[in-house]
Amino acid sequence: MFGFGLPELSIILVIVALIFGVGRLPELGGALGKTIRNFRKASEGKDEIEMKSREA
């Protein structure tokens, strides 16, 4: 996968944790999962995608 190994992915994870904070990582992971799911649905031609407004 683009030449990324375990050391590179762990360095990226540490940088993301420093930028966003450890407490927000699950929230970011969930948002990324929904984005990928919606992209797959849109590329398959399905009309329904999941939309949710951001809560403050």
C-alpha atoms as a PDB file:
ATOM      1  CA  MET A   1       0.000   0.000   0.000  1.00  0.00           C
ATOM      2  CA  PHE A   2       2.053   2.924  -1.316  1.00  0.00           C
ATOM      3  CA  GLY A   3       5.174   1.504   0.324  1.00  0.00           C
ATOM      4  CA  PHE A   4       3.951   2.215   3.869  1.00  0.00           C
ATOM      5  CA  GLY A   5       5.124  -0.237   6.462  1.00  0.00           C
ATOM      6  CA  LEU A   6       4.484  -0.516  10.177  1.00  0.00           C
ATOM      7  CA  PRO A   7       7.165   2.053  11.146  1.00  0.00           C
ATOM      8  CA  GLU A   8       5.804   4.673   8.766  1.00  0.00           C
ATOM      9  CA  LEU A   9       2.191   4.137   9.841  1.00  0.00           C
ATOM     10  CA  SER A  10       3.140   4.346  13.522  1.00  0.00           C
ATOM     11  CA  ILE A  11       4.961   7.654  12.931  1.00  0.00           C
ATOM     12  CA  ILE A  12       1.895   9.026  11.123  1.00  0.00           C
ATOM     13  CA  LEU A  13      -0.352   7.881  13.996  1.00  0.00           C
ATOM     14  CA  VAL A  14       1.881   9.620  16.561  1.00  0.00           C
ATOM     15  CA  ILE A  15       1.834  12.859  14.543  1.00  0.00           C
ATOM     16  CA  VAL A  16      -1.966  12.728  14.213  1.00  0.00           C
ATOM     17  CA  ALA A  17      -2.288  12.056  17.960  1.00  0.00           C
ATOM     18  CA  LEU A  18      -0.107  15.073  18.728  1.00  0.00           C
ATOM     19  CA  ILE A  19      -2.077  17.352  16.400  1.00  0.00           C
ATOM     20  CA  PHE A  20      -5.636  16.314  17.291  1.00  0.00           C
ATOM     21  CA  GLY A  21      -5.196  14.803  20.743  1.00  0.00           C
ATOM     22  CA  VAL A  22      -5.707  11.216  21.821  1.00  0.00           C
ATOM     23  CA  GLY A  23      -9.323  11.813  22.894  1.00  0.00           C
ATOM     24  CA  ARG A  24     -10.455  12.804  19.402  1.00  0.00           C
ATOM     25  CA  LEU A  25      -8.902   9.842  17.554  1.00  0.00           C
ATOM     26  CA  PRO A  26     -12.048   7.646  17.783  1.00  0.00           C
ATOM     27  CA  GLU A  27     -14.150  10.539  16.461  1.00  0.00           C
ATOM     28  CA  LEU A  28     -11.765  11.043  13.547  1.00  0.00           C
ATOM     29  CA  GLY A  29     -11.730   7.324  12.795  1.00  0.00           C
ATOM     30  CA  GLY A  30     -15.518   7.190  12.730  1.00  0.00           C
ATOM     31  CA  ALA A  31     -15.699  10.187  10.415  1.00  0.00           C
ATOM     32  CA  LEU A  32     -13.134   8.624   8.088  1.00  0.00           C
ATOM     33  CA  GLY A  33     -15.090   5.351   8.038  1.00  0.00           C
ATOM     34  CA  LYS A  34     -18.340   7.144   7.172  1.00  0.00           C
ATOM     35  CA  THR A  35     -16.576   9.081   4.437  1.00  0.00           C
ATOM     36  CA  ILE A  36     -15.196   5.919   2.859  1.00  0.00           C
ATOM     37  CA  ARG A  37     -18.587   4.181   3.171  1.00  0.00           C
ATOM     38  CA  ASN A  38     -20.384   7.096   1.498  1.00  0.00           C
ATOM     39  CA  PHE A  39     -17.771   7.233  -1.264  1.00  0.00           C
ATOM     40  CA  ARG A  40     -18.260   3.520  -1.993  1.00  0.00           C
ATOM     41  CA  LYS A  41     -22.042   3.918  -2.059  1.00  0.00           C
ATOM     42  CA  ALA A  42     -21.758   6.893  -4.415  1.00  0.00           C
ATOM     43  CA  SER A  43     -19.362   5.063  -6.720  1.00  0.00           C
ATOM     44  CA  GLU A  44     -21.744   2.077  -6.886  1.00  0.00           C
ATOM     45  CA  GLY A  45     -24.541   4.394  -7.962  1.00  0.00           C
ATOM     46  CA  LYS A  46     -26.696   4.093  -4.857  1.00  0.00           C
ATOM     47  CA  ASP A  47     -28.801   7.164  -4.206  1.00  0.00           C
ATOM     48  CA  GLU A  48     -28.769   7.080  -0.400  1.00  0.00           C
ATOM     49  CA  ILE A  49     -25.759   8.392   1.466  1.00  0.00           C
ATOM     50  CA  GLU A  50     -25.432   9.115   5.157  1.00  0.00           C
ATOM     51  CA  MET A  51     -25.461  12.810   5.993  1.00  0.00           C
ATOM     52  CA  LYS A  52     -25.208  14.173   9.512  1.00  0.00           C
ATOM     53  CA  SER A  53     -24.608  17.723  10.605  1.00  0.00           C
ATOM     54  CA  ARG A  54     -21.661  18.403  12.849  1.00  0.00           C
ATOM     55  CA  GLU A  55     -22.685  18.889  16.449  1.00  0.00           C
ATOM     56  CA  ALA A  56     -20.849  21.435  18.555  1.00  0.00           C
END
